[in-house]
């Protein structure tokens, strides 16, 4: 379940260029996703990265810049990512 939630957040962020650029602004250019040989390793590394950046991501999703963009805040996947 935790990995599925991480997938929702990372898929939403990486599926929208504007949100990805905003995330990079909040993480000082750091990526959440890392390539790995095994799929499980990729999931684990992504989960670890999201956990490490949890506060930064919460700040991004609650920022006036993000909240002011109705396209993403009213998007069902965006709403789900914000709840997580």
Protein backbone atom coordinates (compact mmCIF):
# COMPACT_ATOMS: atom_id res chain seq x y z
CA UNK A 1 0.00 0.00 0.00
CA UNK A 2 2.82 2.42 0.84
CA UNK A 3 4.57 1.75 -2.46
CA UNK A 4 1.26 2.26 -4.31
CA UNK A 5 0.82 5.65 -2.62
CA UNK A 6 4.38 6.60 -3.57
CA UNK A 7 3.59 5.61 -7.17
CA UNK A 8 0.51 7.87 -7.18
CA UNK A 9 2.57 10.85 -6.01
CA UNK A 10 5.52 10.22 -8.32
CA UNK A 11 3.31 9.45 -11.34
CA UNK A 12 1.36 12.66 -10.82
CA UNK A 13 4.50 14.76 -10.41
CA UNK A 14 6.40 13.23 -13.34
CA UNK A 15 3.30 13.18 -15.54
CA UNK A 16 2.94 16.98 -15.45
CA UNK A 17 5.86 19.16 -16.54
CA UNK A 18 4.69 22.19 -14.58
CA UNK A 19 4.38 20.17 -11.35
CA UNK A 20 7.76 18.51 -12.00
CA UNK A 21 9.41 21.90 -12.43
CA UNK A 22 7.74 23.15 -9.25
CA UNK A 23 8.97 20.06 -7.38
CA UNK A 24 12.52 20.67 -8.62
CA UNK A 25 12.24 24.24 -7.36
CA UNK A 26 11.25 22.98 -3.90
CA UNK A 27 13.86 20.17 -3.86
CA UNK A 28 16.69 22.35 -5.20
CA UNK A 29 16.79 20.36 -8.43
CA UNK A 30 16.75 16.91 -6.83
CA UNK A 31 14.89 14.09 -8.54
CA UNK A 32 12.55 11.66 -6.76
CA UNK A 33 12.96 8.84 -9.26
CA UNK A 34 16.17 6.90 -9.70
CA UNK A 35 16.91 4.25 -12.26
CA UNK A 36 17.67 0.79 -10.92
CA UNK A 37 18.23 -2.60 -12.49
CA UNK A 38 15.40 -4.31 -10.61
CA UNK A 39 11.85 -2.97 -10.51
CA UNK A 40 11.66 -3.57 -6.75
CA UNK A 41 14.84 -1.55 -6.23
CA UNK A 42 13.36 1.33 -8.23
CA UNK A 43 10.21 1.27 -6.09
CA UNK A 44 12.25 1.16 -2.88
CA UNK A 45 14.53 4.02 -3.98
CA UNK A 46 11.54 6.12 -5.03
CA UNK A 47 9.80 5.46 -1.72
CA UNK A 48 12.98 6.38 0.15
CA UNK A 49 13.33 9.60 -1.85
CA UNK A 50 9.70 10.59 -1.23
CA UNK A 51 10.14 9.88 2.47
CA UNK A 52 13.33 11.97 2.57
CA UNK A 53 11.56 14.85 0.80
CA UNK A 54 8.21 14.47 2.60
CA UNK A 55 8.21 17.93 4.19
CA UNK A 56 9.39 19.59 0.99
CA UNK A 57 6.64 17.85 -1.01
CA UNK A 58 4.01 18.82 1.57
CA UNK A 59 5.22 22.42 1.32
CA UNK A 60 5.01 22.26 -2.48
CA UNK A 61 1.46 20.81 -2.50
CA UNK A 62 0.30 23.43 0.03
CA UNK A 63 2.12 26.36 -1.60
CA UNK A 64 0.11 29.28 -3.00
CA UNK A 65 1.79 28.60 -6.34
CA UNK A 66 0.39 25.05 -6.50
CA UNK A 67 -2.95 25.80 -4.80
CA UNK A 68 -3.50 28.69 -7.19
CA UNK A 69 -3.41 26.39 -10.22
CA UNK A 70 -6.93 24.98 -10.62
CA UNK A 71 -5.85 22.67 -13.44
CA UNK A 72 -3.78 20.57 -11.03
CA UNK A 73 -5.71 21.05 -7.79
CA UNK A 74 -9.00 20.00 -9.39
CA UNK A 75 -7.44 17.09 -11.29
CA UNK A 76 -8.51 13.78 -9.64
CA UNK A 77 -4.92 12.50 -9.59
CA UNK A 78 -3.75 15.84 -8.21
CA UNK A 79 -6.32 15.66 -5.42
CA UNK A 80 -5.21 12.12 -4.60
CA UNK A 81 -1.53 13.11 -4.56
CA UNK A 82 -2.28 16.07 -2.27
CA UNK A 83 -4.13 13.81 0.19
CA UNK A 84 -1.21 11.41 0.46
